[in-house]
Amino acid sequence: MAQVDIIRNGIIDKLLAISDKDYLMALLRLVDNSAVQEDKIKLTKEQKLMLEMSEADIQNGRTISQNNLDKNDLEWLKGK
């Protein structure tokens, strides 16, 4: 994973933990006023394949709820 992706994902993780509306609004204004590149992101063939596979999983009902996924993870961790 590229360094910029790691940084972006870290920021997203931290944003998801913020519940203060005023703080989030201030961040939104900061981001809205920043110079963001409008360039399209080029995906690798592997990324495109993963997206196609994900779409097929959704269309064919091969999904699991977050709640069930969490339960499965806990069971798997207990078996380790």
C-alpha atoms as a PDB file:
ATOM      1  CA  MET A   1       0.000   0.000   0.000  1.00  0.00           C
ATOM      2  CA  ALA A   2       1.337   3.419  -0.933  1.00  0.00           C
ATOM      3  CA  GLN A   3       2.405   5.760   1.846  1.00  0.00           C
ATOM      4  CA  VAL A   4      -0.315   8.267   0.913  1.00  0.00           C
ATOM      5  CA  ASP A   5      -2.956   5.519   1.265  1.00  0.00           C
ATOM      6  CA  ILE A   6      -1.664   4.618   4.721  1.00  0.00           C
ATOM      7  CA  ILE A   7      -1.823   8.258   5.805  1.00  0.00           C
ATOM      8  CA  ARG A   8      -5.317   8.725   4.332  1.00  0.00           C
ATOM      9  CA  ASN A   9      -6.624   5.583   6.036  1.00  0.00           C
ATOM     10  CA  GLY A  10      -5.136   6.685   9.351  1.00  0.00           C
ATOM     11  CA  ILE A  11      -6.900  10.039   9.079  1.00  0.00           C
ATOM     12  CA  ILE A  12     -10.182   8.335   8.201  1.00  0.00           C
ATOM     13  CA  ASP A  13      -9.868   6.030  11.220  1.00  0.00           C
ATOM     14  CA  LYS A  14      -9.344   9.012  13.500  1.00  0.00           C
ATOM     15  CA  LEU A  15     -12.229  10.960  11.943  1.00  0.00           C
ATOM     16  CA  LEU A  16     -14.595   8.066  12.570  1.00  0.00           C
ATOM     17  CA  ALA A  17     -13.843   8.310  16.289  1.00  0.00           C
ATOM     18  CA  ILE A  18     -14.713  12.027  16.546  1.00  0.00           C
ATOM     19  CA  SER A  19     -18.196  12.800  17.834  1.00  0.00           C
ATOM     20  CA  ASP A  20     -17.850  16.548  18.533  1.00  0.00           C
ATOM     21  CA  LYS A  21     -20.011  18.273  15.898  1.00  0.00           C
ATOM     22  CA  ASP A  22     -18.217  21.639  16.168  1.00  0.00           C
ATOM     23  CA  TYR A  23     -14.830  19.994  15.743  1.00  0.00           C
ATOM     24  CA  LEU A  24     -16.061  18.075  12.704  1.00  0.00           C
ATOM     25  CA  MET A  25     -17.565  21.225  11.183  1.00  0.00           C
ATOM     26  CA  ALA A  26     -14.227  23.020  11.624  1.00  0.00           C
ATOM     27  CA  LEU A  27     -12.451  20.138   9.898  1.00  0.00           C
ATOM     28  CA  LEU A  28     -15.009  20.200   7.084  1.00  0.00           C
ATOM     29  CA  ARG A  29     -14.400  23.923   6.526  1.00  0.00           C
ATOM     30  CA  LEU A  30     -10.655  23.302   6.517  1.00  0.00           C
ATOM     31  CA  VAL A  31     -10.963  20.546   3.933  1.00  0.00           C
ATOM     32  CA  ASP A  32     -13.454  22.518   1.817  1.00  0.00           C
ATOM     33  CA  ASN A  33     -11.070  25.476   1.695  1.00  0.00           C
ATOM     34  CA  SER A  34      -7.979  23.442   0.870  1.00  0.00           C
ATOM     35  CA  ALA A  35      -6.655  22.994  -2.627  1.00  0.00           C
ATOM     36  CA  VAL A  36      -7.598  19.423  -3.454  1.00  0.00           C
ATOM     37  CA  GLN A  37      -6.452  17.951  -6.725  1.00  0.00           C
ATOM     38  CA  GLU A  38      -9.282  16.956  -9.009  1.00  0.00           C
ATOM     39  CA  ASP A  39      -7.174  14.312 -10.759  1.00  0.00           C
ATOM     40  CA  LYS A  40      -8.725  10.931 -11.266  1.00  0.00           C
ATOM     41  CA  ILE A  41      -7.211   8.134  -9.253  1.00  0.00           C
ATOM     42  CA  LYS A  42      -5.794   5.390 -11.431  1.00  0.00           C
ATOM     43  CA  LEU A  43      -6.483   1.917 -10.134  1.00  0.00           C
ATOM     44  CA  THR A  44      -4.166  -1.002 -10.658  1.00  0.00           C
ATOM     45  CA  LYS A  45      -5.487  -4.090 -12.427  1.00  0.00           C
ATOM     46  CA  GLU A  46      -5.487  -5.843  -9.054  1.00  0.00           C
ATOM     47  CA  GLN A  47      -7.627  -3.095  -7.485  1.00  0.00           C
ATOM     48  CA  LYS A  48     -10.070  -3.272 -10.396  1.00  0.00           C
ATOM     49  CA  LEU A  49     -10.262  -7.055 -10.040  1.00  0.00           C
ATOM     50  CA  MET A  50     -10.955  -6.760  -6.303  1.00  0.00           C
ATOM     51  CA  LEU A  51     -13.758  -4.258  -6.972  1.00  0.00           C
ATOM     52  CA  GLU A  52     -15.275  -6.561  -9.599  1.00  0.00           C
ATOM     53  CA  MET A  53     -15.090  -9.504  -7.204  1.00  0.00           C
ATOM     54  CA  SER A  54     -16.684  -7.429  -4.445  1.00  0.00           C
ATOM     55  CA  GLU A  55     -19.512  -6.388  -6.746  1.00  0.00           C
ATOM     56  CA  ALA A  56     -20.101 -10.028  -7.709  1.00  0.00           C
ATOM     57  CA  ASP A  57     -20.189 -11.006  -4.021  1.00  0.00           C
ATOM     58  CA  ILE A  58     -22.830  -8.362  -3.336  1.00  0.00           C
ATOM     59  CA  GLN A  59     -24.929  -9.329  -6.353  1.00  0.00           C
ATOM     60  CA  ASN A  60     -24.803 -13.019  -5.400  1.00  0.00           C
ATOM     61  CA  GLY A  61     -25.641 -12.459  -1.739  1.00  0.00           C
ATOM     62  CA  ARG A  62     -22.215 -13.486  -0.472  1.00  0.00           C
ATOM     63  CA  THR A  63     -22.175 -10.930   2.324  1.00  0.00           C
ATOM     64  CA  ILE A  64     -22.137 -11.006   6.102  1.00  0.00           C
ATOM     65  CA  SER A  65     -23.378  -8.434   8.591  1.00  0.00           C
ATOM     66  CA  GLN A  66     -20.830  -6.517  10.643  1.00  0.00           C
ATOM     67  CA  ASN A  67     -22.315  -8.053  13.787  1.00  0.00           C
ATOM     68  CA  ASN A  68     -21.813 -11.608  12.492  1.00  0.00           C
ATOM     69  CA  LEU A  69     -18.346 -10.743  11.245  1.00  0.00           C
ATOM     70  CA  ASP A  70     -17.409  -9.470  14.702  1.00  0.00           C
ATOM     71  CA  LYS A  71     -18.721 -12.681  16.290  1.00  0.00           C
ATOM     72  CA  ASN A  72     -16.768 -14.818  13.822  1.00  0.00           C
ATOM     73  CA  ASP A  73     -13.614 -12.812  14.517  1.00  0.00           C
ATOM     74  CA  LEU A  74     -13.981 -13.308  18.273  1.00  0.00           C
ATOM     75  CA  GLU A  75     -14.502 -17.056  17.820  1.00  0.00           C
ATOM     76  CA  TRP A  76     -11.460 -17.232  15.543  1.00  0.00           C
ATOM     77  CA  LEU A  77      -9.332 -15.277  18.041  1.00  0.00           C
ATOM     78  CA  LYS A  78     -10.391 -17.563  20.901  1.00  0.00           C
ATOM     79  CA  GLY A  79      -9.234 -20.575  18.865  1.00  0.00           C
ATOM     80  CA  LYS A  80      -5.722 -19.121  18.409  1.00  0.00           C
END
